[in-house]
Amino acid sequence: MDLENGSESLYDEGWLQQQIDENPALIPVVDIDPIFGELIPVCRELRISVGPLDNLYVNQFGMLTLVECKLWRNPEARRKVVGQILDYAQEFS
């Protein structure tokens, strides 16, 4: 899979959202905290007041995992994603 040479239209954030929706084990939540366990996809592009949440998951205990997808080629990815996730978490709390 060539992500560098002219394949930008094939591999966008929607593609990434779909990949992790279909394969939630790609998200290493157990490495972060084992309590999150196996993720069960709930939805993509959930509309909330602060903007669309890319992916939402729940685990067997009803704990939520919020995911914001950013591509490596997005220059704002590091800065922007932290603010977005904080906004989403506040909305859900």
PDB file of N, CA and C in Angstrom:
ATOM      1  N   MET A   1       0.844  -1.167   0.000  1.00  0.00           N
ATOM      2  CA  MET A   1       0.000   0.000   0.000  1.00  0.00           C
ATOM      3  C   MET A   1       0.895   1.238   0.000  1.00  0.00           C
ATOM      4  N   ASP A   2       0.777   2.021  -1.020  1.00  0.00           N
ATOM      5  CA  ASP A   2       1.587   3.226  -1.161  1.00  0.00           C
ATOM      6  C   ASP A   2       0.792   4.431  -0.680  1.00  0.00           C
ATOM      7  N   LEU A   3       1.170   4.997   0.457  1.00  0.00           N
ATOM      8  CA  LEU A   3       0.457   6.141   1.013  1.00  0.00           C
ATOM      9  C   LEU A   3       1.103   7.457   0.619  1.00  0.00           C
ATOM     10  N   GLU A   4       2.180   7.402  -0.136  1.00  0.00           N
ATOM     11  CA  GLU A   4       2.929   8.613  -0.455  1.00  0.00           C
ATOM     12  C   GLU A   4       2.699   9.138  -1.866  1.00  0.00           C
ATOM     13  N   ASN A   5       2.637   8.274  -2.847  1.00  0.00           N
ATOM     14  CA  ASN A   5       2.682   8.709  -4.247  1.00  0.00           C
ATOM     15  C   ASN A   5       1.315   8.730  -4.926  1.00  0.00           C
ATOM     16  N   GLY A   6       0.643   9.862  -4.839  1.00  0.00           N
ATOM     17  CA  GLY A   6      -0.585  10.056  -5.591  1.00  0.00           C
ATOM     18  C   GLY A   6      -1.788   9.276  -5.114  1.00  0.00           C
ATOM     19  N   SER A   7      -1.743   8.712  -3.934  1.00  0.00           N
ATOM     20  CA  SER A   7      -2.868   7.905  -3.477  1.00  0.00           C
ATOM     21  C   SER A   7      -3.697   8.637  -2.426  1.00  0.00           C
ATOM     22  N   GLU A   8      -3.548   9.959  -2.331  1.00  0.00           N
ATOM     23  CA  GLU A   8      -4.238  10.726  -1.302  1.00  0.00           C
ATOM     24  C   GLU A   8      -5.745  10.550  -1.357  1.00  0.00           C
ATOM     25  N   SER A   9      -6.317  10.495  -2.547  1.00  0.00           N
ATOM     26  CA  SER A   9      -7.769  10.393  -2.637  1.00  0.00           C
ATOM     27  C   SER A   9      -8.288   9.038  -2.148  1.00  0.00           C
ATOM     28  N   LEU A  10      -7.465   8.006  -2.205  1.00  0.00           N
ATOM     29  CA  LEU A  10      -7.876   6.686  -1.739  1.00  0.00           C
ATOM     30  C   LEU A  10      -7.837   6.564  -0.228  1.00  0.00           C
ATOM     31  N   TYR A  11      -6.904   7.245   0.408  1.00  0.00           N
ATOM     32  CA  TYR A  11      -6.670   7.081   1.835  1.00  0.00           C
ATOM     33  C   TYR A  11      -6.917   8.393   2.561  1.00  0.00           C
ATOM     34  N   ASP A  12      -8.192   8.683   2.782  1.00  0.00           N
ATOM     35  CA  ASP A  12      -8.547   9.892   3.500  1.00  0.00           C
ATOM     36  C   ASP A  12      -9.007   9.520   4.911  1.00  0.00           C
ATOM     37  N   GLU A  13      -9.470  10.500   5.667  1.00  0.00           N
ATOM     38  CA  GLU A  13      -9.897  10.215   7.041  1.00  0.00           C
ATOM     39  C   GLU A  13     -11.112   9.282   7.068  1.00  0.00           C
ATOM     40  N   GLY A  14     -11.969   9.362   6.074  1.00  0.00           N
ATOM     41  CA  GLY A  14     -13.104   8.447   5.987  1.00  0.00           C
ATOM     42  C   GLY A  14     -12.655   7.005   5.838  1.00  0.00           C
ATOM     43  N   TRP A  15     -11.630   6.797   5.022  1.00  0.00           N
ATOM     44  CA  TRP A  15     -11.065   5.456   4.846  1.00  0.00           C
ATOM     45  C   TRP A  15     -10.513   4.944   6.174  1.00  0.00           C
ATOM     46  N   LEU A  16      -9.786   5.805   6.884  1.00  0.00           N
ATOM     47  CA  LEU A  16      -9.221   5.424   8.180  1.00  0.00           C
ATOM     48  C   LEU A  16     -10.329   5.111   9.184  1.00  0.00           C
ATOM     49  N   GLN A  17     -11.367   5.929   9.218  1.00  0.00           N
ATOM     50  CA  GLN A  17     -12.498   5.676  10.112  1.00  0.00           C
ATOM     51  C   GLN A  17     -13.118   4.308   9.829  1.00  0.00           C
ATOM     52  N   GLN A  18     -13.283   3.997   8.560  1.00  0.00           N
ATOM     53  CA  GLN A  18     -13.870   2.713   8.186  1.00  0.00           C
ATOM     54  C   GLN A  18     -12.987   1.551   8.614  1.00  0.00           C
ATOM     55  N   GLN A  19     -11.672   1.693   8.413  1.00  0.00           N
ATOM     56  CA  GLN A  19     -10.754   0.613   8.779  1.00  0.00           C
ATOM     57  C   GLN A  19     -10.828   0.291  10.267  1.00  0.00           C
ATOM     58  N   ILE A  20     -10.825   1.335  11.109  1.00  0.00           N
ATOM     59  CA  ILE A  20     -10.860   1.044  12.552  1.00  0.00           C
ATOM     60  C   ILE A  20     -12.262   0.677  13.023  1.00  0.00           C
ATOM     61  N   ASP A  21     -13.290   1.075  12.293  1.00  0.00           N
ATOM     62  CA  ASP A  21     -14.647   0.641  12.620  1.00  0.00           C
ATOM     63  C   ASP A  21     -14.784  -0.858  12.353  1.00  0.00           C
ATOM     64  N   GLU A  22     -14.251  -1.306  11.241  1.00  0.00           N
ATOM     65  CA  GLU A  22     -14.326  -2.721  10.871  1.00  0.00           C
ATOM     66  C   GLU A  22     -13.322  -3.581  11.627  1.00  0.00           C
ATOM     67  N   ASN A  23     -12.248  -2.962  12.133  1.00  0.00           N
ATOM     68  CA  ASN A  23     -11.185  -3.693  12.826  1.00  0.00           C
ATOM     69  C   ASN A  23     -10.801  -2.955  14.108  1.00  0.00           C
ATOM     70  N   PRO A  24     -11.670  -2.917  15.120  1.00  0.00           N
ATOM     71  CA  PRO A  24     -11.387  -2.132  16.316  1.00  0.00           C
ATOM     72  C   PRO A  24     -10.130  -2.567  17.070  1.00  0.00           C
ATOM     73  N   ALA A  25      -9.669  -3.783  16.834  1.00  0.00           N
ATOM     74  CA  ALA A  25      -8.443  -4.248  17.493  1.00  0.00           C
ATOM     75  C   ALA A  25      -7.219  -3.453  17.032  1.00  0.00           C
ATOM     76  N   LEU A  26      -7.337  -2.683  15.946  1.00  0.00           N
ATOM     77  CA  LEU A  26      -6.241  -1.831  15.491  1.00  0.00           C
ATOM     78  C   LEU A  26      -5.954  -0.703  16.486  1.00  0.00           C
ATOM     79  N   ILE A  27      -6.928  -0.381  17.335  1.00  0.00           N
ATOM     80  CA  ILE A  27      -6.755   0.669  18.336  1.00  0.00           C
ATOM     81  C   ILE A  27      -6.205   0.007  19.592  1.00  0.00           C
ATOM     82  N   PRO A  28      -5.008   0.344  20.006  1.00  0.00           N
ATOM     83  CA  PRO A  28      -4.349  -0.370  21.117  1.00  0.00           C
ATOM     84  C   PRO A  28      -4.803   0.080  22.516  1.00  0.00           C
ATOM     85  N   VAL A  29      -6.109   0.082  22.771  1.00  0.00           N
ATOM     86  CA  VAL A  29      -6.595   0.561  24.061  1.00  0.00           C
ATOM     87  C   VAL A  29      -6.122  -0.307  25.224  1.00  0.00           C
ATOM     88  N   VAL A  30      -5.966  -1.595  25.000  1.00  0.00           N
ATOM     89  CA  VAL A  30      -5.516  -2.486  26.067  1.00  0.00           C
ATOM     90  C   VAL A  30      -4.098  -2.117  26.507  1.00  0.00           C
ATOM     91  N   ASP A  31      -3.286  -1.612  25.578  1.00  0.00           N
ATOM     92  CA  ASP A  31      -1.937  -1.176  25.926  1.00  0.00           C
ATOM     93  C   ASP A  31      -1.958   0.094  26.776  1.00  0.00           C
ATOM     94  N   ILE A  32      -3.001   0.889  26.626  1.00  0.00           N
ATOM     95  CA  ILE A  32      -3.135   2.120  27.395  1.00  0.00           C
ATOM     96  C   ILE A  32      -3.714   1.809  28.773  1.00  0.00           C
ATOM     97  N   ASP A  33      -4.813   1.067  28.801  1.00  0.00           N
ATOM     98  CA  ASP A  33      -5.431   0.655  30.057  1.00  0.00           C
ATOM     99  C   ASP A  33      -6.286  -0.584  29.783  1.00  0.00           C
ATOM    100  N   PRO A  34      -5.912  -1.734  30.350  1.00  0.00           N
ATOM    101  CA  PRO A  34      -6.617  -2.990  30.079  1.00  0.00           C
ATOM    102  C   PRO A  34      -8.111  -2.961  30.414  1.00  0.00           C
ATOM    103  N   ILE A  35      -8.557  -2.057  31.276  1.00  0.00           N
ATOM    104  CA  ILE A  35      -9.971  -1.992  31.646  1.00  0.00           C
ATOM    105  C   ILE A  35     -10.869  -1.721  30.440  1.00  0.00           C
ATOM    106  N   PHE A  36     -10.315  -1.061  29.404  1.00  0.00           N
ATOM    107  CA  PHE A  36     -11.128  -0.753  28.241  1.00  0.00           C
ATOM    108  C   PHE A  36     -11.443  -1.990  27.423  1.00  0.00           C
ATOM    109  N   GLY A  37     -10.607  -3.021  27.548  1.00  0.00           N
ATOM    110  CA  GLY A  37     -10.893  -4.301  26.921  1.00  0.00           C
ATOM    111  C   GLY A  37     -11.190  -4.229  25.440  1.00  0.00           C
ATOM    112  N   GLU A  38     -11.995  -5.157  24.992  1.00  0.00           N
ATOM    113  CA  GLU A  38     -12.334  -5.259  23.572  1.00  0.00           C
ATOM    114  C   GLU A  38     -13.354  -4.189  23.192  1.00  0.00           C
ATOM    115  N   LEU A  39     -13.069  -3.449  22.127  1.00  0.00           N
ATOM    116  CA  LEU A  39     -13.956  -2.378  21.692  1.00  0.00           C
ATOM    117  C   LEU A  39     -15.053  -2.900  20.774  1.00  0.00           C
ATOM    118  N   ILE A  40     -16.259  -2.388  20.985  1.00  0.00           N
ATOM    119  CA  ILE A  40     -17.407  -2.724  20.149  1.00  0.00           C
ATOM    120  C   ILE A  40     -17.820  -1.436  19.428  1.00  0.00           C
ATOM    121  N   PRO A  41     -17.765  -1.415  18.103  1.00  0.00           N
ATOM    122  CA  PRO A  41     -18.135  -0.196  17.369  1.00  0.00           C
ATOM    123  C   PRO A  41     -19.602   0.166  17.590  1.00  0.00           C
ATOM    124  N   VAL A  42     -19.855   1.460  17.829  1.00  0.00           N
ATOM    125  CA  VAL A  42     -21.215   1.957  17.986  1.00  0.00           C
ATOM    126  C   VAL A  42     -21.617   2.736  16.738  1.00  0.00           C
ATOM    127  N   CYS A  43     -20.803   3.725  16.348  1.00  0.00           N
ATOM    128  CA  CYS A  43     -21.124   4.509  15.159  1.00  0.00           C
ATOM    129  C   CYS A  43     -19.925   5.319  14.692  1.00  0.00           C
ATOM    130  N   ARG A  44     -20.087   5.877  13.490  1.00  0.00           N
ATOM    131  CA  ARG A  44     -19.107   6.790  12.907  1.00  0.00           C
ATOM    132  C   ARG A  44     -19.781   8.119  12.652  1.00  0.00           C
ATOM    133  N   GLU A  45     -18.976   9.196  12.706  1.00  0.00           N
ATOM    134  CA  GLU A  45     -19.472  10.543  12.408  1.00  0.00           C
ATOM    135  C   GLU A  45     -20.695  10.913  13.258  1.00  0.00           C
ATOM    136  N   LEU A  46     -20.601  10.680  14.557  1.00  0.00           N
ATOM    137  CA  LEU A  46     -21.678  11.029  15.477  1.00  0.00           C
ATOM    138  C   LEU A  46     -21.761  12.542  15.599  1.00  0.00           C
ATOM    139  N   ARG A  47     -22.911  13.100  15.281  1.00  0.00           N
ATOM    140  CA  ARG A  47     -23.109  14.553  15.348  1.00  0.00           C
ATOM    141  C   ARG A  47     -23.391  14.965  16.778  1.00  0.00           C
ATOM    142  N   ILE A  48     -22.498  15.783  17.335  1.00  0.00           N
ATOM    143  CA  ILE A  48     -22.704  16.377  18.649  1.00  0.00           C
ATOM    144  C   ILE A  48     -22.483  17.882  18.509  1.00  0.00           C
ATOM    145  N   SER A  49     -22.791  18.638  19.541  1.00  0.00           N
ATOM    146  CA  SER A  49     -22.789  20.098  19.405  1.00  0.00           C
ATOM    147  C   SER A  49     -21.422  20.690  19.069  1.00  0.00           C
ATOM    148  N   VAL A  50     -20.337  20.029  19.442  1.00  0.00           N
ATOM    149  CA  VAL A  50     -19.003  20.577  19.175  1.00  0.00           C
ATOM    150  C   VAL A  50     -18.420  20.108  17.845  1.00  0.00           C
ATOM    151  N   GLY A  51     -19.162  19.277  17.117  1.00  0.00           N
ATOM    152  CA  GLY A  51     -18.708  18.778  15.823  1.00  0.00           C
ATOM    153  C   GLY A  51     -18.830  17.278  15.750  1.00  0.00           C
ATOM    154  N   PRO A  52     -18.605  16.703  14.578  1.00  0.00           N
ATOM    155  CA  PRO A  52     -18.768  15.254  14.420  1.00  0.00           C
ATOM    156  C   PRO A  52     -17.618  14.467  15.055  1.00  0.00           C
ATOM    157  N   LEU A  53     -17.985  13.472  15.855  1.00  0.00           N
ATOM    158  CA  LEU A  53     -17.013  12.550  16.441  1.00  0.00           C
ATOM    159  C   LEU A  53     -16.770  11.443  15.429  1.00  0.00           C
ATOM    160  N   ASP A  54     -15.504  11.184  15.100  1.00  0.00           N
ATOM    161  CA  ASP A  54     -15.195  10.222  14.034  1.00  0.00           C
ATOM    162  C   ASP A  54     -15.685   8.814  14.340  1.00  0.00           C
ATOM    163  N   ASN A  55     -15.294   8.252  15.469  1.00  0.00           N
ATOM    164  CA  ASN A  55     -15.693   6.888  15.815  1.00  0.00           C
ATOM    165  C   ASN A  55     -16.025   6.825  17.299  1.00  0.00           C
ATOM    166  N   LEU A  56     -17.082   6.074  17.619  1.00  0.00           N
ATOM    167  CA  LEU A  56     -17.478   5.851  19.002  1.00  0.00           C
ATOM    168  C   LEU A  56     -17.540   4.351  19.243  1.00  0.00           C
ATOM    169  N   TYR A  57     -16.950   3.923  20.356  1.00  0.00           N
ATOM    170  CA  TYR A  57     -16.931   2.508  20.747  1.00  0.00           C
ATOM    171  C   TYR A  57     -17.413   2.377  22.180  1.00  0.00           C
ATOM    172  N   VAL A  58     -17.855   1.190  22.530  1.00  0.00           N
ATOM    173  CA  VAL A  58     -18.219   0.856  23.904  1.00  0.00           C
ATOM    174  C   VAL A  58     -17.553  -0.487  24.200  1.00  0.00           C
ATOM    175  N   ASN A  59     -17.321  -0.771  25.476  1.00  0.00           N
ATOM    176  CA  ASN A  59     -16.782  -2.085  25.820  1.00  0.00           C
ATOM    177  C   ASN A  59     -17.832  -2.869  26.600  1.00  0.00           C
ATOM    178  N   GLN A  60     -17.483  -4.036  27.054  1.00  0.00           N
ATOM    179  CA  GLN A  60     -18.436  -4.913  27.742  1.00  0.00           C
ATOM    180  C   GLN A  60     -18.954  -4.330  29.048  1.00  0.00           C
ATOM    181  N   PHE A  61     -18.239  -3.341  29.613  1.00  0.00           N
ATOM    182  CA  PHE A  61     -18.661  -2.710  30.860  1.00  0.00           C
ATOM    183  C   PHE A  61     -19.431  -1.408  30.623  1.00  0.00           C
ATOM    184  N   GLY A  62     -19.663  -1.057  29.354  1.00  0.00           N
ATOM    185  CA  GLY A  62     -20.378   0.168  29.025  1.00  0.00           C
ATOM    186  C   GLY A  62     -19.502   1.410  29.002  1.00  0.00           C
ATOM    187  N   MET A  63     -18.185   1.223  29.093  1.00  0.00           N
ATOM    188  CA  MET A  63     -17.251   2.355  29.031  1.00  0.00           C
ATOM    189  C   MET A  63     -17.081   2.790  27.581  1.00  0.00           C
ATOM    190  N   LEU A  64     -17.104   4.106  27.357  1.00  0.00           N
ATOM    191  CA  LEU A  64     -16.971   4.650  26.007  1.00  0.00           C
ATOM    192  C   LEU A  64     -15.524   4.930  25.642  1.00  0.00           C
ATOM    193  N   THR A  65     -15.222   4.781  24.369  1.00  0.00           N
ATOM    194  CA  THR A  65     -13.949   5.204  23.800  1.00  0.00           C
ATOM    195  C   THR A  65     -14.277   6.109  22.618  1.00  0.00           C
ATOM    196  N   LEU A  66     -13.751   7.334  22.670  1.00  0.00           N
ATOM    197  CA  LEU A  66     -13.965   8.324  21.615  1.00  0.00           C
ATOM    198  C   LEU A  66     -12.718   8.378  20.754  1.00  0.00           C
ATOM    199  N   VAL A  67     -12.881   8.352  19.436  1.00  0.00           N
ATOM    200  CA  VAL A  67     -11.733   8.350  18.526  1.00  0.00           C
ATOM    201  C   VAL A  67     -11.861   9.478  17.519  1.00  0.00           C
ATOM    202  N   GLU A  68     -10.802  10.265  17.400  1.00  0.00           N
ATOM    203  CA  GLU A  68     -10.703  11.315  16.387  1.00  0.00           C
ATOM    204  C   GLU A  68      -9.577  10.903  15.445  1.00  0.00           C
ATOM    205  N   CYS A  69      -9.873  10.745  14.177  1.00  0.00           N
ATOM    206  CA  CYS A  69      -8.891  10.306  13.190  1.00  0.00           C
ATOM    207  C   CYS A  69      -8.216  11.502  12.532  1.00  0.00           C
ATOM    208  N   LYS A  70      -6.906  11.435  12.439  1.00  0.00           N
ATOM    209  CA  LYS A  70      -6.116  12.428  11.709  1.00  0.00           C
ATOM    210  C   LYS A  70      -5.069  11.681  10.893  1.00  0.00           C
ATOM    211  N   LEU A  71      -4.920  12.075   9.656  1.00  0.00           N
ATOM    212  CA  LEU A  71      -3.901  11.470   8.803  1.00  0.00           C
ATOM    213  C   LEU A  71      -2.541  12.081   9.090  1.00  0.00           C
ATOM    214  N   TRP A  72      -1.493  11.328   8.878  1.00  0.00           N
ATOM    215  CA  TRP A  72      -0.133  11.810   9.140  1.00  0.00           C
ATOM    216  C   TRP A  72       0.201  13.019   8.294  1.00  0.00           C
ATOM    217  N   ARG A  73      -0.424  13.134   7.116  1.00  0.00           N
ATOM    218  CA  ARG A  73      -0.093  14.250   6.225  1.00  0.00           C
ATOM    219  C   ARG A  73      -0.828  15.534   6.601  1.00  0.00           C
ATOM    220  N   ASN A  74      -1.711  15.476   7.592  1.00  0.00           N
ATOM    221  CA  ASN A  74      -2.453  16.648   8.038  1.00  0.00           C
ATOM    222  C   ASN A  74      -1.555  17.455   8.988  1.00  0.00           C
ATOM    223  N   PRO A  75      -1.109  18.647   8.588  1.00  0.00           N
ATOM    224  CA  PRO A  75      -0.158  19.405   9.407  1.00  0.00           C
ATOM    225  C   PRO A  75      -0.732  19.875  10.743  1.00  0.00           C
ATOM    226  N   GLU A  76      -2.057  19.950  10.865  1.00  0.00           N
ATOM    227  CA  GLU A  76      -2.667  20.379  12.112  1.00  0.00           C
ATOM    228  C   GLU A  76      -2.996  19.214  13.040  1.00  0.00           C
ATOM    229  N   ALA A  77      -2.688  18.013  12.625  1.00  0.00           N
ATOM    230  CA  ALA A  77      -3.145  16.822  13.332  1.00  0.00           C
ATOM    231  C   ALA A  77      -2.791  16.826  14.815  1.00  0.00           C
ATOM    232  N   ARG A  78      -1.550  17.044  15.149  1.00  0.00           N
ATOM    233  CA  ARG A  78      -1.132  16.940  16.554  1.00  0.00           C
ATOM    234  C   ARG A  78      -1.787  17.993  17.427  1.00  0.00           C
ATOM    235  N   ARG A  79      -1.781  19.217  16.957  1.00  0.00           N
ATOM    236  CA  ARG A  79      -2.317  20.322  17.745  1.00  0.00           C
ATOM    237  C   ARG A  79      -3.836  20.257  17.873  1.00  0.00           C
ATOM    238  N   LYS A  80      -4.484  20.025  16.772  1.00  0.00           N
ATOM    239  CA  LYS A  80      -5.937  20.110  16.710  1.00  0.00           C
ATOM    240  C   LYS A  80      -6.645  18.946  17.405  1.00  0.00           C
ATOM    241  N   VAL A  81      -6.088  17.751  17.309  1.00  0.00           N
ATOM    242  CA  VAL A  81      -6.767  16.571  17.837  1.00  0.00           C
ATOM    243  C   VAL A  81      -6.916  16.626  19.354  1.00  0.00           C
ATOM    244  N   VAL A  82      -5.960  17.172  20.054  1.00  0.00           N
ATOM    245  CA  VAL A  82      -6.049  17.248  21.514  1.00  0.00           C
ATOM    246  C   VAL A  82      -7.233  18.121  21.915  1.00  0.00           C
ATOM    247  N   GLY A  83      -7.366  19.283  21.293  1.00  0.00           N
ATOM    248  CA  GLY A  83      -8.488  20.167  21.577  1.00  0.00           C
ATOM    249  C   GLY A  83      -9.824  19.537  21.240  1.00  0.00           C
ATOM    250  N   GLN A  84      -9.884  18.838  20.113  1.00  0.00           N
ATOM    251  CA  GLN A  84     -11.130  18.193  19.706  1.00  0.00           C
ATOM    252  C   GLN A  84     -11.552  17.120  20.710  1.00  0.00           C
ATOM    253  N   ILE A  85     -10.618  16.289  21.113  1.00  0.00           N
ATOM    254  CA  ILE A  85     -10.945  15.213  22.050  1.00  0.00           C
ATOM    255  C   ILE A  85     -11.394  15.785  23.392  1.00  0.00           C
ATOM    256  N   LEU A  86     -10.748  16.869  23.843  1.00  0.00           N
ATOM    257  CA  LEU A  86     -11.176  17.510  25.090  1.00  0.00           C
ATOM    258  C   LEU A  86     -12.604  18.058  24.965  1.00  0.00           C
ATOM    259  N   ASP A  87     -12.920  18.657  23.827  1.00  0.00           N
ATOM    260  CA  ASP A  87     -14.280  19.131  23.583  1.00  0.00           C
ATOM    261  C   ASP A  87     -15.290  17.971  23.598  1.00  0.00           C
ATOM    262  N   TYR A  88     -14.942  16.867  22.928  1.00  0.00           N
ATOM    263  CA  TYR A  88     -15.830  15.713  22.887  1.00  0.00           C
ATOM    264  C   TYR A  88     -16.038  15.125  24.280  1.00  0.00           C
ATOM    265  N   ALA A  89     -14.957  14.989  25.035  1.00  0.00           N
ATOM    266  CA  ALA A  89     -15.046  14.420  26.384  1.00  0.00           C
ATOM    267  C   ALA A  89     -15.928  15.295  27.271  1.00  0.00           C
ATOM    268  N   GLN A  90     -15.786  16.602  27.157  1.00  0.00           N
ATOM    269  CA  GLN A  90     -16.612  17.503  27.942  1.00  0.00           C
ATOM    270  C   GLN A  90     -18.080  17.355  27.549  1.00  0.00           C
ATOM    271  N   GLU A  91     -18.323  17.197  26.269  1.00  0.00           N
ATOM    272  CA  GLU A  91     -19.693  17.028  25.783  1.00  0.00           C
ATOM    273  C   GLU A  91     -20.326  15.755  26.337  1.00  0.00           C
ATOM    274  N   PHE A  92     -19.547  14.677  26.414  1.00  0.00           N
ATOM    275  CA  PHE A  92     -20.066  13.409  26.901  1.00  0.00           C
ATOM    276  C   PHE A  92     -20.184  13.363  28.417  1.00  0.00           C
ATOM    277  N   SER A  93     -19.400  14.200  29.107  1.00  0.00           N
ATOM    278  CA  SER A  93     -19.454  14.176  30.577  1.00  0.00           C
ATOM    279  C   SER A  93     -20.683  14.865  31.039  1.00  0.00           C
TER     280      SER A  93
END
